[in-house]
Amino acid sequence: MRLLIFAALAYLLYRVFRHYFGFGDKIRKTENSGVIDEMVKDPFCDTYIPVRDAKRRVINGREYFFCSEACADKFQKEKEG
């Protein structure tokens, strides 16, 4: 009987430590555990944006990602001029 009580207390202690110190919680699911987007940097204004929201433009054979069409236009004018 003592062994059962000791095992139950040890398990409860383990659960308390795990909860408070975060053992085993390195990967947590979020509410929207969908696809994780890669972040890209706008070369004109240095803003980071998700790839899916970025405005893509090919300039001089190289693909760039921008936060807005205005940044893309300004960058293209700077590169060409």
Protein backbone atom coordinates (compact mmCIF):
# COMPACT_ATOMS: atom_id res chain seq x y z
CA MET A 1 0.00 0.00 0.00
CA ARG A 2 2.86 2.37 0.82
CA LEU A 3 4.35 1.72 -2.61
CA LEU A 4 1.12 2.79 -4.33
CA ILE A 5 0.91 5.99 -2.30
CA PHE A 6 4.59 6.74 -2.94
CA ALA A 7 4.12 6.16 -6.69
CA ALA A 8 1.05 8.43 -6.80
CA LEU A 9 2.87 11.21 -4.91
CA ALA A 10 5.92 10.86 -7.16
CA TYR A 11 3.71 11.14 -10.26
CA LEU A 12 1.93 14.23 -8.89
CA LEU A 13 5.26 15.81 -8.02
CA TYR A 14 6.52 15.07 -11.53
CA ARG A 15 3.43 16.73 -13.06
CA VAL A 16 3.83 19.83 -10.86
CA PHE A 17 7.51 20.23 -11.78
CA ARG A 18 6.77 19.64 -15.44
CA HIS A 19 4.03 22.26 -15.41
CA TYR A 20 5.99 24.97 -13.58
CA PHE A 21 9.38 24.44 -15.19
CA GLY A 22 8.17 23.67 -18.70
CA PHE A 23 9.81 20.28 -19.14
CA GLY A 24 8.66 18.76 -22.41
CA ASP A 25 6.93 21.92 -23.59
CA LYS A 26 9.48 22.97 -26.18
CA ILE A 27 6.98 22.57 -29.01
CA ARG A 28 3.53 23.93 -28.35
CA LYS A 29 0.58 23.95 -30.66
CA THR A 30 -1.10 27.28 -31.23
CA GLU A 31 -4.69 28.02 -32.08
CA ASN A 32 -3.84 28.55 -35.72
CA SER A 33 -1.26 25.81 -36.10
CA GLY A 34 -1.27 26.12 -39.86
CA VAL A 35 1.60 26.73 -42.23
CA ILE A 36 4.47 28.75 -40.83
CA ASP A 37 5.36 31.53 -43.24
CA GLU A 38 8.90 32.42 -44.15
CA MET A 39 9.74 36.06 -43.50
CA VAL A 40 11.54 38.10 -46.15
CA LYS A 41 13.14 41.52 -45.92
CA ASP A 42 12.09 44.41 -48.14
CA PRO A 43 15.36 45.69 -49.65
CA PHE A 44 14.11 49.28 -49.82
CA CYS A 45 12.64 49.96 -46.38
CA ASP A 46 14.13 46.96 -44.46
CA THR A 47 10.71 45.76 -43.28
CA TYR A 48 10.16 42.03 -42.69
CA ILE A 49 7.00 40.59 -44.21
CA PRO A 50 5.58 37.09 -44.77
CA VAL A 51 6.34 35.67 -48.23
CA ARG A 52 2.64 35.12 -48.94
CA ASP A 53 1.91 38.86 -48.45
CA ALA A 54 4.99 40.17 -50.25
CA LYS A 55 4.88 41.94 -53.60
CA ARG A 56 7.27 40.11 -55.94
CA ARG A 57 9.23 41.86 -58.60
CA VAL A 58 12.02 40.65 -60.90
CA ILE A 59 14.61 43.37 -61.47
CA ASN A 60 17.72 42.71 -63.59
CA GLY A 61 17.02 38.97 -63.52
CA ARG A 62 16.79 38.77 -59.73
CA GLU A 63 13.61 38.28 -57.69
CA TYR A 64 12.93 40.75 -54.87
CA PHE A 65 10.16 40.88 -52.26
CA PHE A 66 8.56 44.15 -51.15
CA CYS A 67 6.05 45.23 -48.52
CA SER A 68 4.19 47.47 -50.99
CA GLU A 69 4.05 48.49 -54.62
CA ALA A 70 5.38 51.93 -53.65
CA CYS A 71 8.57 50.42 -52.19
CA ALA A 72 8.93 48.20 -55.26
CA ASP A 73 8.61 51.19 -57.60
CA LYS A 74 11.10 53.30 -55.63
CA PHE A 75 13.61 50.43 -55.47
CA GLN A 76 13.27 49.73 -59.20
CA LYS A 77 13.81 53.41 -60.07
CA GLU A 78 16.89 53.45 -57.79
CA LYS A 79 18.31 50.28 -59.39
CA GLU A 80 17.70 51.45 -62.97
CA GLY A 81 18.73 55.04 -62.49
